[in-house]
Amino acid sequence: MTAVRLIVIGGYSEEERWQTPQLPRNGEPAYADAFERRPGGKAFHQAVAASHAGVAVGLIAAIGDDVIDPSGLPPLVDARWQVTTGVRTGRTALIVDAKGQTISALSSGANAFLEADFVATQSDLFDSAKVLLISAEANIDTVAATLELAGEKRLLRILDPGPLPPDLSVREFASTDVLLLSLHEFARCCGRFLSIDITASTVTGMDDTTINALARRLCAGTVVVSLDKTCLVSHGTDRHGDSADVYRAGTCGLGDAFKGTLAAKLVDAACFRDALMDACEA
């Protein structure tokens, strides 16, 4: 198999997706037009997206000992599964209406038991990779230890902290080269870590200078904030080949396809902006 250039670590879950004309309300269940069950979770979707961008990916995640077949991975993905005895594989429930609005619920299951020792034993992946993309759907202590390990191996470290678990802390941000935040996650991080109580709608009304100032307080590395229709990039001391410290891309990147593609493009990109634009188009 082609040598792995990108490592993706985080949550794996079995997804159950209901398509409904409108989202259910309290006391008013919605009838589903369609239902499907499929492999999912942040790490799974991000690894698949990265492989579609043509990069060999090492996927590290935890599953339970229940009857789950983590199938559907492209040939460019080398998956390393930690099988956790006595624990169920993670589950995600998604309800999507005709407008694409989604409500979801996540049961972490085995993801909460991913061990730092298991990650560290995948040394062949770390020896060949250039970039790490890790999400906070996995055990947060393992996330912190893996960020430190990747730093020692001189990998570019990308953190996707959503959905902002309660035990997420500034230690993870301090070990991150690129921090990816949605509009709502950025607002919540400002409240949790900076004691600045703002809403997502407040952020959309801010100028670039104000958002940049908040981003610089959250993380010493690059911060990408996906706004309503644009992405704001706030660089730290390393611009990753860009000419400006802060700028907006004229399009918005959202979801795991965006994040997986961005990580894949950063393996060989001459500058960060080029990788970001390719990922936004994905």
Protein backbone atom coordinates (compact mmCIF):
# COMPACT_ATOMS: atom_id res chain seq x y z
CA MET A 1 0.00 0.00 0.00
CA THR A 2 1.11 3.59 -0.65
CA ALA A 3 2.85 5.18 2.34
CA VAL A 4 0.42 7.05 4.58
CA ARG A 5 0.78 10.85 4.40
CA LEU A 6 -2.18 11.82 6.62
CA ILE A 7 -3.40 10.33 9.91
CA VAL A 8 -7.05 10.77 10.89
CA ILE A 9 -8.07 9.99 14.47
CA GLY A 10 -11.42 10.47 16.17
CA GLY A 11 -14.88 9.04 16.36
CA TYR A 12 -16.31 6.07 14.50
CA SER A 13 -20.02 5.36 14.81
CA GLU A 14 -22.86 3.58 13.14
CA GLU A 15 -25.14 6.26 11.72
CA GLU A 16 -28.90 6.01 11.53
CA ARG A 17 -30.35 8.68 9.26
CA TRP A 18 -34.02 9.59 8.91
CA GLN A 19 -35.23 11.87 6.08
CA THR A 20 -38.40 13.75 7.09
CA PRO A 21 -40.49 16.52 5.47
CA GLN A 22 -39.94 18.62 8.60
CA LEU A 23 -38.07 18.21 11.86
CA PRO A 24 -40.09 16.69 14.72
CA ARG A 25 -41.45 18.93 17.47
CA ASN A 26 -42.02 18.22 21.12
CA GLY A 27 -44.94 15.81 21.29
CA GLU A 28 -45.25 15.70 17.46
CA PRO A 29 -43.24 12.88 15.90
CA ALA A 30 -42.38 13.28 12.23
CA TYR A 31 -42.95 10.48 9.72
CA ALA A 32 -39.81 9.54 7.82
CA ASP A 33 -39.73 9.38 4.02
CA ALA A 34 -36.50 7.38 4.06
CA PHE A 35 -34.19 5.61 6.51
CA GLU A 36 -30.67 4.25 6.15
CA ARG A 37 -27.98 2.81 8.41
CA ARG A 38 -24.36 3.28 7.39
CA PRO A 39 -20.81 3.64 8.75
CA GLY A 40 -20.07 7.13 10.06
CA GLY A 41 -18.49 9.36 12.64
CA LYS A 42 -16.11 12.26 12.12
CA ALA A 43 -12.95 10.20 11.61
CA PHE A 44 -14.62 7.85 9.13
CA HIS A 45 -16.09 10.64 6.98
CA GLN A 46 -12.92 12.74 7.12
CA ALA A 47 -10.71 9.80 6.13
CA VAL A 48 -12.97 8.97 3.19
CA ALA A 49 -12.96 12.61 2.01
CA ALA A 50 -9.17 12.80 2.31
CA SER A 51 -8.72 9.62 0.29
CA HIS A 52 -11.01 11.01 -2.42
CA ALA A 53 -8.53 13.91 -2.62
CA GLY A 54 -5.89 11.35 -3.58
CA VAL A 55 -3.95 11.06 -0.30
CA ALA A 56 -3.10 7.81 1.47
CA VAL A 57 -4.72 7.95 4.92
CA GLY A 58 -4.17 6.10 8.17
CA LEU A 59 -7.42 5.91 10.17
CA ILE A 60 -7.23 5.15 13.92
CA ALA A 61 -10.45 4.70 15.89
CA ALA A 62 -12.14 2.51 18.48
CA ILE A 63 -15.08 0.13 17.99
CA GLY A 64 -16.91 -2.14 20.40
CA ASP A 65 -17.15 -5.91 20.39
CA ASP A 66 -20.74 -5.84 19.13
CA VAL A 67 -21.50 -6.97 15.59
CA ILE A 68 -20.38 -3.94 13.60
CA ASP A 69 -18.73 -4.07 10.20
CA PRO A 70 -16.80 -0.81 9.59
CA SER A 71 -16.98 -1.31 5.84
CA GLY A 72 -17.04 1.14 2.97
CA LEU A 73 -13.47 2.44 3.23
CA PRO A 74 -11.63 3.25 -0.02
CA PRO A 75 -8.37 1.42 -0.86
CA LEU A 76 -6.25 4.44 0.11
CA VAL A 77 -7.39 4.16 3.76
CA ASP A 78 -5.36 1.97 6.12
CA ALA A 79 -7.68 1.46 9.13
CA ARG A 80 -6.41 0.48 12.56
CA TRP A 81 -9.29 -0.50 14.88
CA GLN A 82 -9.02 -0.74 18.65
CA VAL A 83 -11.66 -3.33 19.61
CA THR A 84 -12.94 -2.57 23.10
CA THR A 85 -14.39 -5.53 24.98
CA GLY A 86 -17.74 -5.10 26.72
CA VAL A 87 -18.49 -1.74 25.06
CA ARG A 88 -20.81 -0.91 22.17
CA THR A 89 -19.61 0.84 19.04
CA GLY A 90 -20.59 4.50 18.90
CA ARG A 91 -24.00 5.45 17.51
CA THR A 92 -25.21 8.61 15.78
CA ALA A 93 -28.84 9.47 15.08
CA LEU A 94 -29.55 12.08 12.39
CA ILE A 95 -32.91 13.55 11.40
CA VAL A 96 -32.77 15.67 8.24
CA ASP A 97 -35.68 17.71 6.86
CA ALA A 98 -36.43 18.75 3.28
CA LYS A 99 -34.41 21.97 3.71
CA GLY A 100 -31.34 20.11 4.92
CA GLN A 101 -31.77 21.21 8.55
CA THR A 102 -30.46 18.50 10.86
CA ILE A 103 -30.80 17.48 14.48
CA SER A 104 -28.54 14.79 15.84
CA ALA A 105 -27.64 12.78 18.92
CA LEU A 106 -24.36 10.98 19.59
CA SER A 107 -23.60 8.05 21.87
CA SER A 108 -19.81 7.87 22.20
CA GLY A 109 -19.61 4.16 23.05
CA ALA A 110 -16.13 2.78 22.33
CA ASN A 111 -14.86 6.18 21.18
CA ALA A 112 -14.59 7.25 24.82
CA PHE A 113 -12.19 4.34 25.43
CA LEU A 114 -9.66 4.95 22.65
CA GLU A 115 -6.29 4.50 24.37
CA ALA A 116 -3.18 6.62 23.88
CA ASP A 117 -1.07 3.45 24.04
CA PHE A 118 -2.99 1.96 21.11
CA VAL A 119 -2.43 5.12 19.08
CA ALA A 120 1.27 5.17 19.96
CA THR A 121 1.74 1.58 18.77
CA GLN A 122 0.79 2.68 15.23
CA SER A 123 4.29 4.12 14.91
CA ASP A 124 4.64 3.20 11.25
CA LEU A 125 1.83 5.63 10.40
CA PHE A 126 3.46 8.47 12.36
CA ASP A 127 6.83 7.80 10.76
CA SER A 128 5.51 8.29 7.21
CA ALA A 129 2.77 10.91 7.72
CA LYS A 130 3.11 14.67 7.37
CA VAL A 131 -0.27 15.77 8.76
CA LEU A 132 -2.54 14.74 11.67
CA LEU A 133 -6.27 15.50 11.68
CA ILE A 134 -7.83 14.66 15.05
CA SER A 135 -11.32 15.28 16.42
CA ALA A 136 -12.63 15.51 19.96
CA GLU A 137 -15.14 12.69 19.45
CA ALA A 138 -12.48 10.37 20.92
CA ASN A 139 -11.20 10.11 24.51
CA ILE A 140 -9.96 13.63 25.26
CA ASP A 141 -6.87 12.48 27.19
CA THR A 142 -5.89 10.40 24.18
CA VAL A 143 -6.47 13.43 21.94
CA ALA A 144 -4.11 15.50 24.12
CA ALA A 145 -1.43 12.78 24.19
CA THR A 146 -1.68 12.26 20.43
CA LEU A 147 -1.26 15.97 19.72
CA GLU A 148 1.93 15.91 21.80
CA LEU A 149 3.17 12.76 20.03
CA ALA A 150 2.49 14.29 16.61
CA GLY A 151 4.38 17.41 17.68
CA GLU A 152 7.40 15.30 18.59
CA LYS A 153 7.17 13.65 15.14
CA ARG A 154 6.93 17.14 13.52
CA LEU A 155 3.54 16.53 11.94
CA LEU A 156 1.25 19.43 11.12
CA ARG A 157 -1.50 19.07 13.75
CA ILE A 158 -5.10 19.93 12.83
CA LEU A 159 -7.76 19.83 15.58
CA ASP A 160 -11.49 19.57 14.98
CA PRO A 161 -12.83 20.13 18.53
CA GLY A 162 -16.54 19.78 17.77
CA PRO A 163 -18.92 19.03 19.32
CA LEU A 164 -16.92 20.65 22.17
CA PRO A 165 -17.10 17.92 24.83
CA PRO A 166 -17.24 19.08 28.48
CA ASP A 167 -13.67 17.97 29.21
CA LEU A 168 -12.12 19.83 26.25
CA SER A 169 -9.58 22.34 27.58
CA VAL A 170 -6.98 24.86 26.48
CA ARG A 171 -4.27 22.15 26.68
CA GLU A 172 -5.54 20.73 23.37
CA PHE A 173 -5.62 24.18 21.75
CA ALA A 174 -2.06 24.85 22.97
CA SER A 175 -0.78 21.77 21.09
CA THR A 176 -2.56 22.61 17.83
CA ASP A 177 -1.13 24.07 14.62
CA VAL A 178 -4.51 24.52 12.88
CA LEU A 179 -7.80 24.85 14.79
CA LEU A 180 -11.06 24.40 12.83
CA LEU A 181 -14.17 26.04 14.30
CA SER A 182 -17.70 26.52 13.06
CA LEU A 183 -19.47 29.81 13.77
CA HIS A 184 -21.32 28.35 16.78
CA GLU A 185 -18.22 26.56 18.10
CA PHE A 186 -16.22 29.79 17.91
CA ALA A 187 -18.86 31.63 19.95
CA ARG A 188 -19.00 28.85 22.56
CA CYS A 189 -15.19 28.70 22.82
CA CYS A 190 -15.09 32.44 23.49
CA GLY A 191 -17.56 31.90 26.33
CA ARG A 192 -15.84 28.84 27.80
CA PHE A 193 -12.18 29.80 27.49
CA LEU A 194 -12.19 33.61 27.29
CA SER A 195 -15.23 34.34 29.53
CA ILE A 196 -16.72 36.42 26.72
CA ASP A 197 -20.42 35.64 26.41
CA ILE A 198 -21.34 36.10 22.74
CA THR A 199 -23.75 34.44 20.31
CA ALA A 200 -23.18 33.18 16.81
CA SER A 201 -25.21 36.07 15.43
CA THR A 202 -22.95 38.49 17.30
CA VAL A 203 -19.90 36.96 15.64
CA THR A 204 -21.39 37.45 12.16
CA GLY A 205 -21.61 41.18 12.86
CA MET A 206 -17.98 41.47 13.96
CA ASP A 207 -15.25 42.87 11.73
CA ASP A 208 -12.19 40.80 10.84
CA THR A 209 -9.97 42.64 13.33
CA THR A 210 -12.22 41.72 16.26
CA ILE A 211 -12.59 38.05 15.24
CA ASN A 212 -8.84 37.85 14.69
CA ALA A 213 -8.14 39.28 18.15
CA LEU A 214 -10.37 36.62 19.76
CA ALA A 215 -8.85 33.85 17.65
CA ARG A 216 -5.33 34.90 18.72
CA ARG A 217 -6.38 34.48 22.36
CA LEU A 218 -7.80 31.00 21.74
CA CYS A 219 -4.91 29.37 19.91
CA ALA A 220 -1.31 30.29 19.06
CA GLY A 221 -1.60 28.46 15.73
CA THR A 222 -3.84 29.10 12.73
CA VAL A 223 -7.58 29.39 13.44
CA VAL A 224 -10.16 28.87 10.69
CA VAL A 225 -13.66 30.11 11.53
CA SER A 226 -16.39 29.01 9.13
CA LEU A 227 -18.88 31.89 9.06
CA ASP A 228 -22.21 32.09 7.21
CA LYS A 229 -20.79 32.36 3.69
CA THR A 230 -17.06 32.87 4.18
CA CYS A 231 -14.10 31.44 6.10
CA LEU A 232 -11.91 33.71 8.19
CA VAL A 233 -8.29 32.59 8.51
CA SER A 234 -6.27 33.91 11.45
CA HIS A 235 -2.61 32.88 11.34
CA GLY A 236 -0.21 32.79 14.27
CA THR A 237 3.55 32.99 13.88
CA ASP A 238 3.44 30.45 11.02
CA ARG A 239 1.48 31.59 7.97
CA HIS A 240 1.91 28.21 6.22
CA GLY A 241 2.97 29.96 3.01
CA ASP A 242 0.29 32.67 3.03
CA SER A 243 1.16 36.32 2.48
CA ALA A 244 -1.33 37.74 5.02
CA ASP A 245 -1.78 37.19 8.75
CA VAL A 246 -5.58 37.36 8.51
CA TYR A 247 -7.98 37.18 5.57
CA ARG A 248 -11.37 35.91 4.46
CA ALA A 249 -11.91 33.29 1.80
CA GLY A 250 -14.87 34.15 -0.38
CA THR A 251 -16.58 30.84 0.27
CA CYS A 252 -17.43 28.78 3.32
CA GLY A 253 -16.18 25.32 4.25
CA LEU A 254 -18.37 23.13 6.46
CA GLY A 255 -18.55 19.52 7.54
CA ASP A 256 -16.28 16.52 7.45
CA ALA A 257 -15.77 16.58 3.67
CA PHE A 258 -14.30 20.08 4.01
CA LYS A 259 -12.06 19.12 6.94
CA GLY A 260 -10.81 15.87 5.42
CA THR A 261 -10.06 17.54 2.11
CA LEU A 262 -8.28 20.46 3.78
CA ALA A 263 -6.05 18.06 5.71
CA ALA A 264 -5.30 16.12 2.53
CA LYS A 265 -4.45 19.25 0.55
CA LEU A 266 -2.17 20.55 3.31
CA VAL A 267 0.08 17.51 2.84
CA ASP A 268 1.67 19.11 -0.25
CA ALA A 269 0.11 22.59 -0.61
CA ALA A 270 2.46 25.48 -1.38
CA CYS A 271 0.30 27.79 0.72
CA PHE A 272 -2.59 27.45 3.15
CA ARG A 273 -5.01 29.52 1.04
CA ASP A 274 -4.70 27.12 -1.92
CA ALA A 275 -5.55 24.14 0.28
CA LEU A 276 -8.45 26.03 1.88
CA MET A 277 -10.01 27.00 -1.45
CA ASP A 278 -9.79 23.42 -2.73
CA ALA A 279 -11.43 22.19 0.49
CA CYS A 280 -14.23 24.75 0.29
CA GLU A 281 -15.05 23.57 -3.23
CA ALA A 282 -15.24 19.99 -1.93
